[in-house]
Amino acid sequence: MRILSICGSPRKGNSEAILLKLQEILRAKGVDNEIVLLREKKISRCLGCVEYCNHKLECQIKDDMQEIMAKMEKADGFIFLSPNYFQMPTGLFKDFIDRCSIFYTRGAEKQFRKKKAVVIGVGADVLGSKTKCNIC
């Protein structure tokens, strides 16, 4: 089994530490796990050029997304992790998500339906607030 972990943090910190711990656990169970740190990749923003994507069924932007998308196609499952900035994923992670829309455009979503994903948001709550854990 091959799990691809995508880290949307723009800096080295808690998000990466969590993925490294999960990688250790997965490898102990015999699961291949690769971590992609988006901060180390060149990922341009989506240009919204649907005239190109919809007709050519590919993205015209040439950057590190082609490498990441090839890894995603080969993976059996995913761990997506991003810090929580203002109750949203980071801009870096959102750019990644937007660029993945080409999978849908070219009909690859059928291939991805068979794959499992875990989505983790890392953040803190408002100081002094009282929230209930949904799992507890």
N, C-alpha and C. Protein backbone atom coordinates (compact mmCIF):
# COMPACT_ATOMS: atom_id res chain seq x y z
N MET A 1 0.84 -1.17 0.00
CA MET A 1 0.00 0.00 0.00
C MET A 1 0.89 1.24 0.00
N ARG A 2 0.47 2.24 -0.75
CA ARG A 2 1.23 3.47 -0.88
C ARG A 2 0.36 4.66 -0.48
N ILE A 3 0.79 5.38 0.57
CA ILE A 3 0.08 6.56 1.05
C ILE A 3 0.94 7.78 0.74
N LEU A 4 0.33 8.78 0.14
CA LEU A 4 1.01 10.04 -0.14
C LEU A 4 0.50 11.09 0.84
N SER A 5 1.41 11.68 1.59
CA SER A 5 1.05 12.72 2.56
C SER A 5 1.43 14.07 1.98
N ILE A 6 0.48 15.00 2.02
CA ILE A 6 0.70 16.35 1.48
C ILE A 6 0.61 17.33 2.63
N CYS A 7 1.68 18.08 2.86
CA CYS A 7 1.73 19.04 3.96
C CYS A 7 1.64 20.46 3.39
N GLY A 8 0.60 21.20 3.82
CA GLY A 8 0.37 22.54 3.31
C GLY A 8 0.94 23.65 4.17
N SER A 9 1.82 23.33 5.09
CA SER A 9 2.37 24.37 5.95
C SER A 9 3.49 25.12 5.22
N PRO A 10 3.48 26.45 5.32
CA PRO A 10 4.55 27.22 4.70
C PRO A 10 5.85 27.22 5.52
N ARG A 11 5.82 26.60 6.67
CA ARG A 11 7.03 26.55 7.50
C ARG A 11 7.15 25.19 8.17
N LYS A 12 8.35 24.91 8.66
CA LYS A 12 8.57 23.66 9.39
C LYS A 12 8.02 23.85 10.80
N GLY A 13 7.12 22.94 11.19
CA GLY A 13 6.51 23.09 12.52
C GLY A 13 5.67 21.90 12.87
N ASN A 14 4.55 22.14 13.53
CA ASN A 14 3.69 21.08 14.05
C ASN A 14 3.12 20.18 12.96
N SER A 15 2.71 20.76 11.85
CA SER A 15 2.11 19.96 10.77
C SER A 15 3.08 18.92 10.25
N GLU A 16 4.30 19.35 10.01
CA GLU A 16 5.32 18.40 9.52
C GLU A 16 5.65 17.37 10.59
N ALA A 17 5.70 17.78 11.84
CA ALA A 17 5.99 16.84 12.94
C ALA A 17 4.92 15.76 13.01
N ILE A 18 3.66 16.14 12.82
CA ILE A 18 2.57 15.17 12.84
C ILE A 18 2.74 14.17 11.70
N LEU A 19 3.05 14.67 10.51
CA LEU A 19 3.22 13.76 9.36
C LEU A 19 4.43 12.84 9.53
N LEU A 20 5.49 13.34 10.12
CA LEU A 20 6.65 12.48 10.36
C LEU A 20 6.32 11.37 11.35
N LYS A 21 5.53 11.68 12.37
CA LYS A 21 5.10 10.65 13.34
C LYS A 21 4.18 9.64 12.66
N LEU A 22 3.24 10.12 11.84
CA LEU A 22 2.36 9.21 11.11
C LEU A 22 3.16 8.33 10.14
N GLN A 23 4.17 8.91 9.52
CA GLN A 23 5.02 8.14 8.61
C GLN A 23 5.73 7.01 9.36
N GLU A 24 6.21 7.31 10.54
CA GLU A 24 6.86 6.30 11.38
C GLU A 24 5.89 5.16 11.70
N ILE A 25 4.68 5.50 12.07
CA ILE A 25 3.66 4.50 12.41
C ILE A 25 3.30 3.66 11.19
N LEU A 26 3.10 4.32 10.05
CA LEU A 26 2.73 3.61 8.82
C LEU A 26 3.84 2.67 8.37
N ARG A 27 5.06 3.15 8.41
CA ARG A 27 6.19 2.30 7.97
C ARG A 27 6.36 1.09 8.88
N ALA A 28 6.08 1.25 10.17
CA ALA A 28 6.14 0.12 11.10
C ALA A 28 5.10 -0.94 10.75
N LYS A 29 4.03 -0.51 10.08
CA LYS A 29 2.98 -1.44 9.65
C LYS A 29 3.18 -1.91 8.21
N GLY A 30 4.33 -1.55 7.62
CA GLY A 30 4.65 -1.99 6.26
C GLY A 30 4.00 -1.16 5.16
N VAL A 31 3.55 0.03 5.49
CA VAL A 31 2.90 0.90 4.50
C VAL A 31 3.92 1.92 3.99
N ASP A 32 4.05 2.01 2.67
CA ASP A 32 4.94 2.99 2.05
C ASP A 32 4.29 4.37 2.19
N ASN A 33 5.03 5.32 2.72
CA ASN A 33 4.49 6.67 2.91
C ASN A 33 5.52 7.69 2.50
N GLU A 34 5.14 8.53 1.55
CA GLU A 34 5.99 9.63 1.11
C GLU A 34 5.33 10.94 1.54
N ILE A 35 6.14 11.86 2.04
CA ILE A 35 5.65 13.17 2.44
C ILE A 35 6.07 14.20 1.40
N VAL A 36 5.10 14.96 0.92
CA VAL A 36 5.37 16.07 0.01
C VAL A 36 5.15 17.36 0.80
N LEU A 37 6.20 18.16 0.92
CA LEU A 37 6.12 19.44 1.60
C LEU A 37 5.88 20.51 0.54
N LEU A 38 4.67 21.04 0.51
CA LEU A 38 4.33 22.01 -0.53
C LEU A 38 5.22 23.23 -0.48
N ARG A 39 5.73 23.58 0.70
CA ARG A 39 6.58 24.77 0.82
C ARG A 39 7.89 24.60 0.03
N GLU A 40 8.26 23.37 -0.26
CA GLU A 40 9.49 23.11 -1.01
C GLU A 40 9.23 23.00 -2.51
N LYS A 41 7.99 23.17 -2.92
CA LYS A 41 7.61 23.00 -4.33
C LYS A 41 7.21 24.34 -4.93
N LYS A 42 7.38 24.43 -6.22
CA LYS A 42 6.91 25.61 -6.95
C LYS A 42 5.52 25.30 -7.47
N ILE A 43 4.53 25.94 -6.86
CA ILE A 43 3.14 25.73 -7.26
C ILE A 43 2.53 27.10 -7.56
N SER A 44 2.26 27.33 -8.82
CA SER A 44 1.65 28.59 -9.23
C SER A 44 0.16 28.56 -8.97
N ARG A 45 -0.42 29.72 -8.90
CA ARG A 45 -1.87 29.81 -8.71
C ARG A 45 -2.59 29.41 -9.99
N CYS A 46 -3.77 28.84 -9.81
CA CYS A 46 -4.63 28.50 -10.94
C CYS A 46 -5.00 29.79 -11.67
N LEU A 47 -4.90 29.77 -12.99
CA LEU A 47 -5.22 30.95 -13.79
C LEU A 47 -6.68 30.98 -14.24
N GLY A 48 -7.41 29.92 -13.94
CA GLY A 48 -8.81 29.86 -14.34
C GLY A 48 -8.99 29.81 -15.85
N CYS A 49 -8.02 29.25 -16.53
CA CYS A 49 -8.03 29.24 -18.01
C CYS A 49 -8.79 28.01 -18.51
N VAL A 50 -10.08 27.95 -18.18
CA VAL A 50 -10.88 26.77 -18.52
C VAL A 50 -10.96 26.53 -20.03
N GLU A 51 -10.75 27.57 -20.83
CA GLU A 51 -10.75 27.38 -22.27
C GLU A 51 -9.63 26.42 -22.67
N TYR A 52 -8.49 26.52 -21.99
CA TYR A 52 -7.36 25.64 -22.27
C TYR A 52 -7.58 24.27 -21.64
N CYS A 53 -7.83 24.23 -20.31
CA CYS A 53 -7.96 22.94 -19.60
C CYS A 53 -9.09 22.08 -20.17
N ASN A 54 -10.22 22.68 -20.40
CA ASN A 54 -11.38 21.91 -20.85
C ASN A 54 -11.19 21.31 -22.23
N HIS A 55 -10.38 21.93 -23.06
CA HIS A 55 -10.17 21.43 -24.42
C HIS A 55 -8.94 20.53 -24.52
N LYS A 56 -7.87 20.89 -23.82
CA LYS A 56 -6.63 20.11 -23.89
C LYS A 56 -6.57 19.02 -22.82
N LEU A 57 -7.44 19.12 -21.82
CA LEU A 57 -7.50 18.17 -20.69
C LEU A 57 -6.16 18.07 -19.96
N GLU A 58 -5.49 19.19 -19.88
CA GLU A 58 -4.25 19.30 -19.11
C GLU A 58 -4.09 20.75 -18.66
N CYS A 59 -3.25 20.95 -17.68
CA CYS A 59 -2.98 22.30 -17.19
C CYS A 59 -1.83 22.87 -17.99
N GLN A 60 -1.97 24.12 -18.40
CA GLN A 60 -0.91 24.73 -19.20
C GLN A 60 0.24 25.26 -18.35
N ILE A 61 0.06 25.34 -17.04
CA ILE A 61 1.11 25.81 -16.15
C ILE A 61 2.11 24.68 -15.92
N LYS A 62 3.35 24.94 -16.16
CA LYS A 62 4.41 23.94 -15.97
C LYS A 62 5.20 24.29 -14.70
N ASP A 63 4.95 23.53 -13.66
CA ASP A 63 5.65 23.70 -12.40
C ASP A 63 5.70 22.36 -11.69
N ASP A 64 5.85 22.33 -10.39
CA ASP A 64 5.98 21.06 -9.66
C ASP A 64 4.68 20.30 -9.49
N MET A 65 3.55 20.87 -9.88
CA MET A 65 2.27 20.17 -9.75
C MET A 65 2.22 18.91 -10.62
N GLN A 66 2.88 18.91 -11.76
CA GLN A 66 2.87 17.71 -12.60
C GLN A 66 3.49 16.53 -11.85
N GLU A 67 4.58 16.78 -11.15
CA GLU A 67 5.24 15.73 -10.35
C GLU A 67 4.33 15.25 -9.23
N ILE A 68 3.70 16.19 -8.53
CA ILE A 68 2.81 15.84 -7.41
C ILE A 68 1.60 15.07 -7.91
N MET A 69 1.00 15.52 -9.02
CA MET A 69 -0.18 14.84 -9.55
C MET A 69 0.15 13.42 -10.02
N ALA A 70 1.34 13.22 -10.57
CA ALA A 70 1.74 11.87 -10.97
C ALA A 70 1.84 10.96 -9.74
N LYS A 71 2.37 11.49 -8.65
CA LYS A 71 2.44 10.72 -7.40
C LYS A 71 1.05 10.43 -6.86
N MET A 72 0.14 11.39 -7.00
CA MET A 72 -1.23 11.19 -6.52
C MET A 72 -1.93 10.08 -7.30
N GLU A 73 -1.68 10.02 -8.59
CA GLU A 73 -2.31 8.98 -9.42
C GLU A 73 -1.82 7.59 -9.03
N LYS A 74 -0.56 7.48 -8.58
CA LYS A 74 0.02 6.19 -8.20
C LYS A 74 -0.33 5.78 -6.77
N ALA A 75 -0.71 6.74 -5.95
CA ALA A 75 -0.97 6.45 -4.53
C ALA A 75 -2.28 5.70 -4.35
N ASP A 76 -2.32 4.91 -3.28
CA ASP A 76 -3.55 4.20 -2.91
C ASP A 76 -4.42 5.03 -1.98
N GLY A 77 -3.81 5.99 -1.30
CA GLY A 77 -4.54 6.83 -0.37
C GLY A 77 -3.72 8.06 -0.02
N PHE A 78 -4.34 8.97 0.74
CA PHE A 78 -3.72 10.25 1.02
C PHE A 78 -3.91 10.66 2.47
N ILE A 79 -2.95 11.46 2.94
CA ILE A 79 -3.11 12.23 4.15
C ILE A 79 -2.87 13.68 3.73
N PHE A 80 -3.90 14.50 3.87
CA PHE A 80 -3.79 15.93 3.57
C PHE A 80 -3.77 16.66 4.90
N LEU A 81 -2.77 17.50 5.10
CA LEU A 81 -2.63 18.18 6.37
C LEU A 81 -2.26 19.64 6.14
N SER A 82 -2.96 20.52 6.80
CA SER A 82 -2.66 21.95 6.69
C SER A 82 -2.92 22.62 8.02
N PRO A 83 -2.10 23.61 8.36
CA PRO A 83 -2.43 24.42 9.51
C PRO A 83 -3.74 25.17 9.25
N ASN A 84 -4.37 25.57 10.31
CA ASN A 84 -5.61 26.33 10.23
C ASN A 84 -5.26 27.81 10.36
N TYR A 85 -5.41 28.54 9.27
CA TYR A 85 -5.19 29.99 9.30
C TYR A 85 -6.55 30.66 9.14
N PHE A 86 -7.03 31.30 10.18
CA PHE A 86 -8.31 32.00 10.14
C PHE A 86 -9.45 31.06 9.72
N GLN A 87 -9.43 29.85 10.29
CA GLN A 87 -10.42 28.81 10.03
C GLN A 87 -10.43 28.35 8.57
N MET A 88 -9.30 28.44 7.92
CA MET A 88 -9.13 28.00 6.53
C MET A 88 -7.77 27.32 6.39
N PRO A 89 -7.60 26.48 5.35
CA PRO A 89 -6.26 25.96 5.08
C PRO A 89 -5.37 27.11 4.60
N THR A 90 -4.09 26.88 4.60
CA THR A 90 -3.15 27.92 4.15
C THR A 90 -3.38 28.25 2.67
N GLY A 91 -2.94 29.41 2.26
CA GLY A 91 -3.02 29.81 0.85
C GLY A 91 -2.28 28.82 -0.03
N LEU A 92 -1.14 28.35 0.44
CA LEU A 92 -0.34 27.37 -0.29
C LEU A 92 -1.15 26.10 -0.55
N PHE A 93 -1.88 25.64 0.48
CA PHE A 93 -2.68 24.43 0.33
C PHE A 93 -3.88 24.68 -0.58
N LYS A 94 -4.47 25.86 -0.49
CA LYS A 94 -5.60 26.19 -1.37
C LYS A 94 -5.16 26.25 -2.83
N ASP A 95 -3.96 26.80 -3.09
CA ASP A 95 -3.44 26.80 -4.46
C ASP A 95 -3.29 25.37 -4.97
N PHE A 96 -2.79 24.48 -4.11
CA PHE A 96 -2.66 23.07 -4.46
C PHE A 96 -4.02 22.47 -4.80
N ILE A 97 -5.03 22.74 -3.96
CA ILE A 97 -6.38 22.21 -4.20
C ILE A 97 -6.93 22.72 -5.53
N ASP A 98 -6.79 24.02 -5.76
CA ASP A 98 -7.29 24.59 -7.02
C ASP A 98 -6.65 23.93 -8.23
N ARG A 99 -5.37 23.69 -8.16
CA ARG A 99 -4.66 23.10 -9.29
C ARG A 99 -5.04 21.64 -9.50
N CYS A 100 -5.52 20.97 -8.47
CA CYS A 100 -5.97 19.58 -8.62
C CYS A 100 -7.29 19.47 -9.38
N SER A 101 -7.92 20.58 -9.68
CA SER A 101 -9.20 20.54 -10.40
C SER A 101 -9.05 19.90 -11.78
N ILE A 102 -7.86 19.86 -12.32
CA ILE A 102 -7.65 19.25 -13.63
C ILE A 102 -7.98 17.76 -13.59
N PHE A 103 -7.85 17.12 -12.42
CA PHE A 103 -8.25 15.71 -12.31
C PHE A 103 -9.72 15.56 -12.68
N TYR A 104 -10.55 16.45 -12.16
CA TYR A 104 -11.99 16.40 -12.45
C TYR A 104 -12.24 16.71 -13.93
N THR A 105 -11.57 17.72 -14.44
CA THR A 105 -11.76 18.14 -15.84
C THR A 105 -11.50 16.99 -16.81
N ARG A 106 -10.47 16.22 -16.54
CA ARG A 106 -10.14 15.13 -17.48
C ARG A 106 -10.76 13.79 -17.09
N GLY A 107 -11.69 13.81 -16.13
CA GLY A 107 -12.44 12.60 -15.80
C GLY A 107 -11.73 11.63 -14.88
N ALA A 108 -10.66 12.07 -14.24
CA ALA A 108 -9.90 11.17 -13.36
C ALA A 108 -10.57 10.97 -12.01
N GLU A 109 -11.66 11.71 -11.75
CA GLU A 109 -12.29 11.58 -10.42
C GLU A 109 -12.79 10.16 -10.20
N LYS A 110 -13.10 9.43 -11.27
CA LYS A 110 -13.52 8.03 -11.11
C LYS A 110 -12.40 7.19 -10.52
N GLN A 111 -11.19 7.45 -10.96
CA GLN A 111 -10.01 6.75 -10.44
C GLN A 111 -9.81 7.08 -8.95
N PHE A 112 -10.09 8.31 -8.57
CA PHE A 112 -9.85 8.75 -7.19
C PHE A 112 -10.94 8.31 -6.24
N ARG A 113 -12.08 7.94 -6.74
CA ARG A 113 -13.17 7.48 -5.85
C ARG A 113 -12.78 6.24 -5.07
N LYS A 114 -11.88 5.44 -5.61
CA LYS A 114 -11.45 4.20 -4.96
C LYS A 114 -10.40 4.45 -3.89
N LYS A 115 -9.87 5.64 -3.84
CA LYS A 115 -8.79 5.95 -2.90
C LYS A 115 -9.35 6.57 -1.63
N LYS A 116 -8.71 6.27 -0.52
CA LYS A 116 -9.12 6.81 0.77
C LYS A 116 -8.26 8.03 1.11
N ALA A 117 -8.82 8.93 1.90
CA ALA A 117 -8.08 10.12 2.30
C ALA A 117 -8.40 10.47 3.75
N VAL A 118 -7.40 11.00 4.41
CA VAL A 118 -7.54 11.55 5.75
C VAL A 118 -7.18 13.02 5.63
N VAL A 119 -8.01 13.89 6.18
CA VAL A 119 -7.75 15.33 6.14
C VAL A 119 -7.57 15.80 7.58
N ILE A 120 -6.45 16.46 7.83
CA ILE A 120 -6.12 16.92 9.18
C ILE A 120 -5.89 18.43 9.14
N GLY A 121 -6.59 19.13 10.01
CA GLY A 121 -6.36 20.56 10.20
C GLY A 121 -5.67 20.76 11.53
N VAL A 122 -4.60 21.52 11.53
CA VAL A 122 -3.83 21.75 12.75
C VAL A 122 -4.01 23.20 13.17
N GLY A 123 -4.44 23.39 14.40
CA GLY A 123 -4.62 24.76 14.87
C GLY A 123 -5.01 24.79 16.33
N ALA A 124 -5.24 25.99 16.77
CA ALA A 124 -5.64 26.20 18.16
C ALA A 124 -7.00 26.87 18.17
N ASP A 125 -7.67 26.73 19.27
CA ASP A 125 -8.97 27.36 19.44
C ASP A 125 -8.75 28.74 20.05
N VAL A 126 -9.78 29.52 20.10
CA VAL A 126 -9.72 30.84 20.72
C VAL A 126 -9.39 30.66 22.20
N LEU A 127 -8.46 31.43 22.69
CA LEU A 127 -8.09 31.32 24.10
C LEU A 127 -9.30 31.54 25.00
N GLY A 128 -9.47 30.67 25.95
CA GLY A 128 -10.54 30.80 26.92
C GLY A 128 -11.87 30.24 26.47
N SER A 129 -11.98 29.81 25.21
CA SER A 129 -13.26 29.26 24.77
C SER A 129 -13.41 27.84 25.26
N LYS A 130 -14.63 27.40 25.38
CA LYS A 130 -14.91 26.05 25.83
C LYS A 130 -15.58 25.31 24.69
N THR A 131 -14.84 24.39 24.10
CA THR A 131 -15.39 23.59 23.01
C THR A 131 -15.40 22.12 23.39
N LYS A 132 -16.30 21.39 22.80
CA LYS A 132 -16.40 19.97 23.07
C LYS A 132 -15.78 19.21 21.91
N CYS A 133 -14.97 18.23 22.22
CA CYS A 133 -14.36 17.39 21.20
C CYS A 133 -15.43 16.53 20.56
N ASN A 134 -15.46 16.51 19.22
CA ASN A 134 -16.45 15.71 18.50
C ASN A 134 -16.20 14.21 18.62
N ILE A 135 -14.98 13.85 18.96
CA ILE A 135 -14.63 12.43 19.05
C ILE A 135 -14.87 11.91 20.46
N CYS A 136 -14.65 12.76 21.46
CA CYS A 136 -14.74 12.34 22.86
C CYS A 136 -16.15 12.06 23.30
